[in-house]
């Protein structure tokens, strides 16, 4: 009986390593940003200074849960189509302040074909009190408008309050151009 339990345990360890499980901490700098671990949490690239003052990078598991995907490393095609940086550190809504970034994110090549990147930015926008579909619609109808203009208008409802249990529970609504 003990031998069969050991065999089952050893087999599970072997299968665990061969099923393609994604652990953020195992990813390289070039595959970290916009990846999702097997547990469904976003990977985040962090930088730090080593003892000699050299900047080093490490991929870590964030606490940000993704409900639409798991075990996913973003494709180079989507990285290019959405205009995001594979070597971006942290998770930030700063790209939503840049008009060029909004135009790229709202483009059909990104918005309709890259659900991982859109889901991330959809939720980042929600955290800022803005709807990404509304921001894209506003950008299409008034290309000179940006997120700051939308925030100052009545179109934004304000930042997501503490009554929201999970910021990352909503998925972007389909948007067509």
N, C-alpha and C. Protein backbone atom coordinates (compact mmCIF):
# COMPACT_ATOMS: atom_id res chain seq x y z
N UNK A 1 0.82 -1.19 0.00
CA UNK A 1 0.00 0.00 0.00
C UNK A 1 0.86 1.26 0.00
N UNK A 2 1.91 1.27 0.86
CA UNK A 2 2.78 2.44 0.91
C UNK A 2 3.46 2.67 -0.42
N UNK A 3 3.89 1.58 -1.07
CA UNK A 3 4.58 1.69 -2.34
C UNK A 3 3.65 2.32 -3.40
N UNK A 4 2.38 1.92 -3.43
CA UNK A 4 1.46 2.46 -4.42
C UNK A 4 1.18 3.94 -4.16
N UNK A 5 1.13 4.36 -2.91
CA UNK A 5 0.95 5.78 -2.60
C UNK A 5 2.16 6.59 -3.04
N UNK A 6 3.34 6.06 -2.80
CA UNK A 6 4.57 6.73 -3.24
C UNK A 6 4.59 6.83 -4.75
N UNK A 7 4.19 5.77 -5.44
CA UNK A 7 4.16 5.75 -6.90
C UNK A 7 3.16 6.78 -7.43
N UNK A 8 1.98 6.86 -6.82
CA UNK A 8 0.98 7.83 -7.24
C UNK A 8 1.51 9.25 -7.01
N UNK A 9 2.12 9.50 -5.85
CA UNK A 9 2.67 10.82 -5.55
C UNK A 9 3.77 11.18 -6.55
N UNK A 10 4.67 10.27 -6.80
CA UNK A 10 5.77 10.52 -7.75
C UNK A 10 5.21 10.76 -9.15
N UNK A 11 4.21 10.02 -9.54
CA UNK A 11 3.60 10.21 -10.85
C UNK A 11 2.94 11.57 -10.95
N UNK A 12 2.28 12.00 -9.86
CA UNK A 12 1.63 13.31 -9.90
C UNK A 12 2.67 14.43 -10.01
N UNK A 13 3.81 14.27 -9.37
CA UNK A 13 4.88 15.27 -9.51
C UNK A 13 5.38 15.32 -10.95
N UNK A 14 5.54 14.17 -11.57
CA UNK A 14 6.01 14.12 -12.94
C UNK A 14 4.99 14.77 -13.87
N UNK A 15 3.72 14.42 -13.73
CA UNK A 15 2.68 14.98 -14.58
C UNK A 15 2.52 16.47 -14.34
N UNK A 16 2.66 16.89 -13.08
CA UNK A 16 2.55 18.30 -12.73
C UNK A 16 3.54 19.13 -13.54
N UNK A 17 4.72 18.64 -13.72
CA UNK A 17 5.76 19.37 -14.44
C UNK A 17 5.63 19.28 -15.95
N UNK A 18 4.85 18.34 -16.46
CA UNK A 18 4.77 18.17 -17.90
C UNK A 18 3.47 18.68 -18.50
N UNK A 19 2.55 19.16 -17.69
CA UNK A 19 1.26 19.60 -18.21
C UNK A 19 1.29 21.03 -18.74
N UNK A 20 2.41 21.70 -18.64
CA UNK A 20 2.50 23.05 -19.15
C UNK A 20 2.02 24.09 -18.17
N UNK A 21 2.03 23.78 -16.90
CA UNK A 21 1.59 24.72 -15.88
C UNK A 21 2.47 25.98 -15.93
N UNK A 22 1.82 27.12 -15.84
CA UNK A 22 2.55 28.38 -15.87
C UNK A 22 2.64 28.95 -14.47
N UNK A 23 3.86 29.10 -14.00
CA UNK A 23 4.15 29.77 -12.73
C UNK A 23 4.87 31.06 -13.09
N UNK A 24 4.34 32.17 -12.65
CA UNK A 24 4.94 33.47 -13.00
C UNK A 24 6.42 33.52 -12.66
N UNK A 25 6.78 32.99 -11.50
CA UNK A 25 8.16 33.05 -11.04
C UNK A 25 9.12 32.28 -11.96
N UNK A 26 8.59 31.41 -12.80
CA UNK A 26 9.42 30.66 -13.75
C UNK A 26 9.56 31.35 -15.11
N UNK A 27 8.80 32.41 -15.33
CA UNK A 27 8.83 33.08 -16.63
C UNK A 27 10.02 34.03 -16.75
N UNK A 28 10.49 34.19 -17.96
CA UNK A 28 11.57 35.14 -18.22
C UNK A 28 11.01 36.55 -18.31
N UNK A 29 11.88 37.52 -18.30
CA UNK A 29 11.50 38.92 -18.44
C UNK A 29 10.68 39.12 -19.72
N UNK A 30 11.04 38.43 -20.77
CA UNK A 30 10.39 38.61 -22.07
C UNK A 30 9.04 37.93 -22.20
N UNK A 31 8.63 37.15 -21.22
CA UNK A 31 7.33 36.48 -21.27
C UNK A 31 6.43 36.84 -20.11
N UNK A 32 6.86 37.68 -19.22
CA UNK A 32 6.15 37.93 -17.97
C UNK A 32 4.93 38.85 -18.11
N UNK A 33 5.17 40.07 -18.55
CA UNK A 33 4.06 41.02 -18.63
C UNK A 33 2.98 40.49 -19.56
N UNK A 34 1.74 40.62 -19.13
CA UNK A 34 0.55 40.18 -19.86
C UNK A 34 0.40 38.66 -19.90
N UNK A 35 1.11 37.96 -19.01
CA UNK A 35 0.93 36.51 -18.87
C UNK A 35 -0.02 36.26 -17.70
N UNK A 36 -0.66 35.10 -17.73
CA UNK A 36 -1.57 34.69 -16.66
C UNK A 36 -1.15 33.32 -16.20
N UNK A 37 -0.98 33.16 -14.91
CA UNK A 37 -0.53 31.89 -14.35
C UNK A 37 -1.63 30.84 -14.42
N UNK A 38 -1.27 29.62 -14.12
CA UNK A 38 -2.23 28.52 -14.09
C UNK A 38 -3.29 28.74 -13.02
N UNK A 39 -2.96 29.49 -12.00
CA UNK A 39 -3.92 29.77 -10.93
C UNK A 39 -4.90 30.89 -11.32
N UNK A 40 -4.69 31.49 -12.50
CA UNK A 40 -5.58 32.54 -12.97
C UNK A 40 -5.20 33.93 -12.48
N UNK A 41 -3.99 34.08 -11.97
CA UNK A 41 -3.54 35.38 -11.50
C UNK A 41 -2.57 35.99 -12.51
N UNK A 42 -2.64 37.30 -12.65
CA UNK A 42 -1.75 37.99 -13.59
C UNK A 42 -0.32 37.95 -13.10
N UNK A 43 0.59 37.79 -14.05
CA UNK A 43 2.01 37.89 -13.76
C UNK A 43 2.41 39.35 -13.88
N UNK A 44 3.36 39.76 -13.06
CA UNK A 44 3.80 41.15 -13.08
C UNK A 44 5.33 41.17 -13.04
N UNK A 45 5.90 41.96 -13.92
CA UNK A 45 7.35 42.12 -13.97
C UNK A 45 7.76 43.20 -12.98
N UNK A 46 8.68 42.86 -12.09
CA UNK A 46 9.17 43.81 -11.10
C UNK A 46 10.66 44.02 -11.31
N UNK A 47 11.10 45.25 -11.06
CA UNK A 47 12.54 45.51 -11.16
C UNK A 47 13.07 45.88 -9.78
N UNK A 48 14.33 45.57 -9.59
CA UNK A 48 15.00 45.88 -8.33
C UNK A 48 16.48 46.06 -8.62
N UNK A 49 17.15 46.69 -7.69
CA UNK A 49 18.58 46.93 -7.83
C UNK A 49 19.33 45.86 -7.05
N UNK A 50 20.27 45.20 -7.72
CA UNK A 50 21.06 44.18 -7.02
C UNK A 50 22.14 44.85 -6.17
N UNK A 51 22.96 44.06 -5.50
CA UNK A 51 23.98 44.58 -4.58
C UNK A 51 25.01 45.46 -5.28
N UNK A 52 25.19 45.26 -6.58
CA UNK A 52 26.17 46.05 -7.33
C UNK A 52 25.54 47.27 -7.99
N UNK A 53 24.24 47.51 -7.75
CA UNK A 53 23.56 48.66 -8.32
C UNK A 53 22.98 48.41 -9.70
N UNK A 54 23.06 47.19 -10.19
CA UNK A 54 22.52 46.85 -11.51
C UNK A 54 21.03 46.54 -11.38
N UNK A 55 20.23 47.04 -12.34
CA UNK A 55 18.80 46.78 -12.32
C UNK A 55 18.55 45.36 -12.83
N UNK A 56 17.84 44.60 -12.03
CA UNK A 56 17.46 43.22 -12.36
C UNK A 56 15.94 43.15 -12.46
N UNK A 57 15.44 42.13 -13.14
CA UNK A 57 14.00 41.95 -13.30
C UNK A 57 13.61 40.56 -12.81
N UNK A 58 12.41 40.49 -12.24
CA UNK A 58 11.89 39.21 -11.79
C UNK A 58 10.39 39.19 -12.02
N UNK A 59 9.90 38.05 -12.48
CA UNK A 59 8.48 37.88 -12.70
C UNK A 59 7.85 37.34 -11.41
N UNK A 60 6.75 37.93 -11.01
CA UNK A 60 6.06 37.54 -9.78
C UNK A 60 4.57 37.33 -10.07
N UNK A 61 3.93 36.61 -9.19
CA UNK A 61 2.49 36.42 -9.26
C UNK A 61 1.82 37.56 -8.51
N UNK A 62 0.91 38.25 -9.17
CA UNK A 62 0.17 39.33 -8.51
C UNK A 62 -1.06 38.74 -7.82
N UNK A 63 -1.81 39.58 -7.17
CA UNK A 63 -3.07 39.16 -6.56
C UNK A 63 -4.26 39.43 -7.49
N UNK A 64 -3.98 39.92 -8.69
CA UNK A 64 -5.02 40.26 -9.64
C UNK A 64 -5.51 38.98 -10.33
N UNK A 65 -6.78 38.66 -10.12
CA UNK A 65 -7.38 37.45 -10.67
C UNK A 65 -8.02 37.75 -12.01
N UNK A 66 -7.79 36.87 -12.97
CA UNK A 66 -8.38 36.97 -14.30
C UNK A 66 -9.41 35.86 -14.43
N UNK A 67 -10.61 36.21 -14.81
CA UNK A 67 -11.64 35.20 -14.89
C UNK A 67 -11.81 34.62 -16.29
N UNK A 68 -11.30 35.30 -17.31
CA UNK A 68 -11.55 34.82 -18.68
C UNK A 68 -10.47 33.87 -19.19
N UNK A 69 -9.29 33.88 -18.59
CA UNK A 69 -8.18 33.06 -19.08
C UNK A 69 -7.34 32.55 -17.92
N UNK A 70 -6.61 31.49 -18.15
CA UNK A 70 -5.54 31.05 -17.25
C UNK A 70 -4.53 30.32 -18.11
N UNK A 71 -3.34 30.13 -17.56
CA UNK A 71 -2.25 29.48 -18.29
C UNK A 71 -2.07 30.12 -19.67
N UNK A 72 -1.77 31.40 -19.67
CA UNK A 72 -1.73 32.13 -20.93
C UNK A 72 -0.54 33.09 -20.95
N UNK A 73 0.22 33.04 -22.02
CA UNK A 73 1.28 34.01 -22.28
C UNK A 73 0.86 34.77 -23.52
N UNK A 74 0.78 36.09 -23.41
CA UNK A 74 0.28 36.90 -24.51
C UNK A 74 1.13 36.72 -25.76
N UNK A 75 0.47 36.73 -26.90
CA UNK A 75 1.15 36.55 -28.18
C UNK A 75 1.86 37.83 -28.59
N UNK A 76 2.91 37.68 -29.38
CA UNK A 76 3.62 38.84 -29.92
C UNK A 76 2.69 39.65 -30.82
N UNK A 77 1.78 38.97 -31.52
CA UNK A 77 0.83 39.64 -32.40
C UNK A 77 -0.03 40.63 -31.60
N UNK A 78 -0.54 40.21 -30.45
CA UNK A 78 -1.36 41.10 -29.63
C UNK A 78 -0.52 42.20 -28.98
N UNK A 79 0.69 41.88 -28.60
CA UNK A 79 1.58 42.91 -28.03
C UNK A 79 1.74 44.04 -29.05
N UNK A 80 1.99 43.67 -30.30
CA UNK A 80 2.15 44.68 -31.36
C UNK A 80 0.82 45.39 -31.65
N UNK A 81 -0.26 44.62 -31.80
CA UNK A 81 -1.56 45.20 -32.16
C UNK A 81 -2.07 46.18 -31.11
N UNK A 82 -1.78 45.90 -29.85
CA UNK A 82 -2.28 46.74 -28.76
C UNK A 82 -1.29 47.81 -28.33
N UNK A 83 -0.09 47.77 -28.90
CA UNK A 83 0.91 48.80 -28.60
C UNK A 83 1.40 48.78 -27.16
N UNK A 84 1.40 47.61 -26.54
CA UNK A 84 1.88 47.52 -25.16
C UNK A 84 3.33 47.03 -25.16
N UNK A 85 3.97 47.18 -24.03
CA UNK A 85 5.38 46.86 -23.90
C UNK A 85 5.54 45.55 -23.14
N UNK A 86 6.14 44.58 -23.77
CA UNK A 86 6.36 43.27 -23.16
C UNK A 86 7.22 43.39 -21.90
N UNK A 87 8.04 44.42 -21.82
CA UNK A 87 8.92 44.60 -20.67
C UNK A 87 8.40 45.64 -19.67
N UNK A 88 7.09 45.92 -19.72
CA UNK A 88 6.50 46.86 -18.78
C UNK A 88 6.56 46.28 -17.36
N UNK A 89 6.90 47.12 -16.41
CA UNK A 89 6.93 46.68 -15.01
C UNK A 89 5.66 47.14 -14.31
N UNK A 90 5.17 46.29 -13.43
CA UNK A 90 3.97 46.61 -12.68
C UNK A 90 2.71 46.56 -13.52
N UNK A 91 1.61 46.91 -12.89
CA UNK A 91 0.32 47.01 -13.57
C UNK A 91 -0.19 48.42 -13.31
N UNK A 92 -0.39 49.19 -14.37
CA UNK A 92 -0.73 50.59 -14.21
C UNK A 92 -1.76 51.03 -15.23
N UNK A 93 -2.56 52.02 -14.85
CA UNK A 93 -3.55 52.59 -15.75
C UNK A 93 -2.98 53.78 -16.53
N UNK A 94 -1.69 54.03 -16.42
CA UNK A 94 -1.07 55.18 -17.08
C UNK A 94 -1.31 55.20 -18.59
N UNK A 95 -1.36 54.03 -19.22
CA UNK A 95 -1.56 54.00 -20.67
C UNK A 95 -2.90 54.60 -21.06
N UNK A 96 -3.86 54.59 -20.14
CA UNK A 96 -5.18 55.15 -20.44
C UNK A 96 -5.17 56.67 -20.51
N UNK A 97 -4.07 57.29 -20.09
CA UNK A 97 -3.94 58.74 -20.16
C UNK A 97 -3.33 59.21 -21.47
N UNK A 98 -2.81 58.28 -22.25
CA UNK A 98 -2.12 58.60 -23.49
C UNK A 98 -3.06 58.37 -24.67
N UNK A 99 -3.31 59.44 -25.45
CA UNK A 99 -4.23 59.34 -26.58
C UNK A 99 -3.81 58.27 -27.59
N UNK A 100 -2.51 58.20 -27.88
CA UNK A 100 -2.03 57.20 -28.84
C UNK A 100 -2.29 55.79 -28.34
N UNK A 101 -2.12 55.58 -27.04
CA UNK A 101 -2.38 54.26 -26.46
C UNK A 101 -3.86 53.90 -26.56
N UNK A 102 -4.73 54.87 -26.32
CA UNK A 102 -6.17 54.62 -26.42
C UNK A 102 -6.55 54.26 -27.84
N UNK A 103 -6.03 55.00 -28.80
CA UNK A 103 -6.32 54.72 -30.21
C UNK A 103 -5.90 53.28 -30.55
N UNK A 104 -4.73 52.87 -30.09
CA UNK A 104 -4.22 51.53 -30.37
C UNK A 104 -5.05 50.47 -29.65
N UNK A 105 -5.35 50.68 -28.37
CA UNK A 105 -6.17 49.73 -27.62
C UNK A 105 -7.55 49.57 -28.22
N UNK A 106 -8.12 50.66 -28.71
CA UNK A 106 -9.47 50.65 -29.27
C UNK A 106 -9.52 50.21 -30.72
N UNK A 107 -8.38 49.99 -31.33
CA UNK A 107 -8.36 49.54 -32.72
C UNK A 107 -8.95 48.13 -32.83
N UNK A 108 -9.60 47.80 -33.94
CA UNK A 108 -10.16 46.46 -34.10
C UNK A 108 -9.12 45.35 -33.92
N UNK A 109 -7.90 45.60 -34.37
CA UNK A 109 -6.85 44.57 -34.27
C UNK A 109 -6.56 44.21 -32.82
N UNK A 110 -6.71 45.16 -31.91
CA UNK A 110 -6.48 44.89 -30.49
C UNK A 110 -7.80 44.55 -29.79
N UNK A 111 -8.76 45.45 -29.88
CA UNK A 111 -9.99 45.33 -29.10
C UNK A 111 -10.76 44.05 -29.41
N UNK A 112 -10.77 43.65 -30.65
CA UNK A 112 -11.57 42.48 -31.04
C UNK A 112 -10.79 41.17 -31.05
N UNK A 113 -9.47 41.24 -30.96
CA UNK A 113 -8.68 40.01 -31.10
C UNK A 113 -7.76 39.70 -29.93
N UNK A 114 -7.70 40.57 -28.94
CA UNK A 114 -6.76 40.38 -27.83
C UNK A 114 -7.49 40.50 -26.49
N UNK A 115 -8.30 39.51 -26.14
CA UNK A 115 -9.14 39.62 -24.94
C UNK A 115 -8.36 39.77 -23.64
N UNK A 116 -7.16 39.22 -23.55
CA UNK A 116 -6.38 39.35 -22.32
C UNK A 116 -5.99 40.80 -22.07
N UNK A 117 -5.45 41.45 -23.06
CA UNK A 117 -5.01 42.84 -22.91
C UNK A 117 -6.21 43.75 -22.71
N UNK A 118 -7.30 43.49 -23.42
CA UNK A 118 -8.50 44.30 -23.26
C UNK A 118 -9.11 44.11 -21.88
N UNK A 119 -9.15 42.87 -21.39
CA UNK A 119 -9.67 42.62 -20.05
C UNK A 119 -8.87 43.39 -19.00
N UNK A 120 -7.56 43.37 -19.12
CA UNK A 120 -6.71 44.11 -18.18
C UNK A 120 -7.04 45.60 -18.21
N UNK A 121 -7.08 46.19 -19.39
CA UNK A 121 -7.31 47.62 -19.50
C UNK A 121 -8.77 47.98 -19.18
N UNK A 122 -9.69 47.09 -19.47
CA UNK A 122 -11.09 47.30 -19.09
C UNK A 122 -11.18 47.48 -17.57
N UNK A 123 -10.52 46.59 -16.84
CA UNK A 123 -10.57 46.64 -15.38
C UNK A 123 -9.75 47.79 -14.81
N UNK A 124 -8.64 48.13 -15.46
CA UNK A 124 -7.88 49.30 -15.03
C UNK A 124 -8.73 50.57 -15.21
N UNK A 125 -9.45 50.65 -16.32
CA UNK A 125 -10.33 51.80 -16.56
C UNK A 125 -11.43 51.85 -15.50
N UNK A 126 -12.02 50.69 -15.19
CA UNK A 126 -13.05 50.66 -14.13
C UNK A 126 -12.49 51.20 -12.82
N UNK A 127 -11.26 50.84 -12.51
CA UNK A 127 -10.62 51.32 -11.29
C UNK A 127 -10.47 52.84 -11.28
N UNK A 128 -10.43 53.42 -12.46
CA UNK A 128 -10.34 54.88 -12.57
C UNK A 128 -11.71 55.52 -12.74
N UNK A 129 -12.76 54.71 -12.71
CA UNK A 129 -14.11 55.23 -12.84
C UNK A 129 -14.55 55.47 -14.27
N UNK A 130 -13.92 54.79 -15.22
CA UNK A 130 -14.22 54.97 -16.64
C UNK A 130 -14.51 53.61 -17.26
N UNK A 131 -15.41 53.60 -18.21
CA UNK A 131 -15.70 52.39 -18.96
C UNK A 131 -14.82 52.39 -20.22
N UNK A 132 -14.06 51.33 -20.44
CA UNK A 132 -13.22 51.27 -21.64
C UNK A 132 -14.07 51.34 -22.92
N UNK A 133 -15.20 50.64 -23.02
CA UNK A 133 -16.02 50.80 -24.24
C UNK A 133 -16.46 52.25 -24.43
N UNK A 134 -16.82 52.95 -23.34
CA UNK A 134 -17.19 54.37 -23.46
C UNK A 134 -16.00 55.21 -23.90
N UNK A 135 -14.83 54.90 -23.34
CA UNK A 135 -13.62 55.63 -23.72
C UNK A 135 -13.31 55.41 -25.20
N UNK A 136 -13.46 54.18 -25.67
CA UNK A 136 -13.22 53.89 -27.09
C UNK A 136 -14.25 54.59 -27.97
N UNK A 137 -15.50 54.56 -27.55
CA UNK A 137 -16.55 55.25 -28.32
C UNK A 137 -16.29 56.75 -28.36
N UNK A 138 -15.91 57.31 -27.24
CA UNK A 138 -15.60 58.73 -27.17
C UNK A 138 -14.41 59.06 -28.08
N UNK A 139 -13.41 58.19 -28.07
CA UNK A 139 -12.22 58.39 -28.91
C UNK A 139 -12.60 58.36 -30.38
N UNK A 140 -13.52 57.45 -30.75
CA UNK A 140 -13.95 57.37 -32.15
C UNK A 140 -14.73 58.60 -32.57
N UNK A 141 -15.60 59.09 -31.69
CA UNK A 141 -16.43 60.23 -32.06
C UNK A 141 -15.71 61.57 -31.88
N UNK A 142 -14.76 61.62 -30.96
CA UNK A 142 -14.00 62.85 -30.71
C UNK A 142 -12.55 62.48 -30.44
N UNK A 143 -11.74 62.30 -31.49
CA UNK A 143 -10.36 61.84 -31.33
C UNK A 143 -9.49 62.72 -30.44
N UNK A 144 -9.89 63.98 -30.20
CA UNK A 144 -9.10 64.86 -29.35
C UNK A 144 -9.41 64.67 -27.86
N UNK A 145 -10.46 63.91 -27.57
CA UNK A 145 -10.84 63.67 -26.18
C UNK A 145 -9.93 62.60 -25.58
N UNK A 146 -9.68 62.68 -24.29
CA UNK A 146 -8.90 61.64 -23.62
C UNK A 146 -9.59 61.26 -22.31
N UNK A 147 -8.98 60.36 -21.56
CA UNK A 147 -9.60 59.88 -20.34
C UNK A 147 -9.84 61.00 -19.34
N UNK A 148 -8.95 61.97 -19.26
CA UNK A 148 -9.14 63.07 -18.32
C UNK A 148 -10.40 63.85 -18.68
N UNK A 149 -10.64 64.06 -19.99
CA UNK A 149 -11.87 64.74 -20.41
C UNK A 149 -13.09 63.91 -20.02
N UNK A 150 -13.01 62.61 -20.20
CA UNK A 150 -14.12 61.74 -19.87
C UNK A 150 -14.38 61.72 -18.37
N UNK A 151 -13.31 61.71 -17.57
CA UNK A 151 -13.46 61.74 -16.12
C UNK A 151 -14.12 63.03 -15.64
N UNK A 152 -13.83 64.13 -16.31
CA UNK A 152 -14.38 65.40 -15.87
C UNK A 152 -15.80 65.62 -16.37
N UNK A 153 -16.25 64.77 -17.30
CA UNK A 153 -17.62 64.88 -17.79
C UNK A 153 -18.54 64.03 -16.93
N UNK A 154 -19.79 64.05 -17.23
CA UNK A 154 -20.74 63.22 -16.47
C UNK A 154 -20.73 61.78 -16.95
N UNK A 155 -19.93 61.45 -17.95
CA UNK A 155 -19.89 60.09 -18.47
C UNK A 155 -19.25 59.11 -17.50
N UNK A 156 -18.38 59.60 -16.65
CA UNK A 156 -17.71 58.73 -15.68
C UNK A 156 -18.45 58.79 -14.35
N UNK A 157 -18.62 57.64 -13.73
CA UNK A 157 -19.35 57.59 -12.47
C UNK A 157 -18.45 57.77 -11.26
N UNK A 158 -17.16 57.90 -11.46
CA UNK A 158 -16.22 58.04 -10.34
C UNK A 158 -15.52 56.74 -10.07
N UNK A 159 -14.50 56.78 -9.23
CA UNK A 159 -13.73 55.57 -8.95
C UNK A 159 -14.58 54.49 -8.31
N UNK A 160 -14.16 53.26 -8.53
CA UNK A 160 -14.86 52.12 -7.95
C UNK A 160 -14.67 52.19 -6.45
N UNK A 161 -15.76 52.12 -5.71
CA UNK A 161 -15.70 52.25 -4.27
C UNK A 161 -15.40 50.95 -3.57
N UNK A 162 -15.34 51.02 -2.25
CA UNK A 162 -15.01 49.85 -1.45
C UNK A 162 -16.14 48.83 -1.45
N UNK A 163 -17.32 49.20 -1.95
CA UNK A 163 -18.43 48.26 -2.03
C UNK A 163 -18.22 47.21 -3.10
N UNK A 164 -17.26 47.40 -3.96
CA UNK A 164 -16.98 46.42 -4.99
C UNK A 164 -16.11 45.33 -4.40
N UNK A 165 -16.58 44.10 -4.47
CA UNK A 165 -15.84 43.01 -3.86
C UNK A 165 -14.67 42.55 -4.72
N UNK A 166 -14.87 42.48 -6.03
CA UNK A 166 -13.79 42.04 -6.92
C UNK A 166 -13.79 42.95 -8.12
N UNK A 167 -12.75 43.71 -8.24
CA UNK A 167 -12.62 44.62 -9.37
C UNK A 167 -12.57 43.86 -10.68
N UNK A 168 -12.02 42.68 -10.67
CA UNK A 168 -11.77 41.95 -11.91
C UNK A 168 -12.85 40.92 -12.20
N UNK A 169 -14.09 41.21 -11.86
CA UNK A 169 -15.15 40.26 -12.13
C UNK A 169 -15.92 40.60 -13.39
N UNK A 170 -15.76 41.79 -13.91
CA UNK A 170 -16.50 42.19 -15.10
C UNK A 170 -15.67 41.93 -16.34
N UNK A 171 -16.33 41.60 -17.41
CA UNK A 171 -15.65 41.40 -18.69
C UNK A 171 -16.11 42.48 -19.65
N UNK A 172 -15.24 42.88 -20.56
CA UNK A 172 -15.64 43.92 -21.49
C UNK A 172 -16.78 43.48 -22.39
N UNK A 173 -17.68 44.38 -22.64
CA UNK A 173 -18.78 44.09 -23.55
C UNK A 173 -18.23 44.10 -24.97
N UNK A 174 -18.83 43.32 -25.85
CA UNK A 174 -18.36 43.34 -27.25
C UNK A 174 -18.46 44.75 -27.81
N UNK A 175 -17.49 45.12 -28.57
CA UNK A 175 -17.43 46.48 -29.13
C UNK A 175 -17.08 46.33 -30.59
N UNK A 176 -17.82 46.96 -31.45
CA UNK A 176 -17.51 46.83 -32.87
C UNK A 176 -17.32 48.21 -33.48
N UNK A 177 -16.49 48.24 -34.47
CA UNK A 177 -16.21 49.49 -35.18
C UNK A 177 -16.97 49.52 -36.45
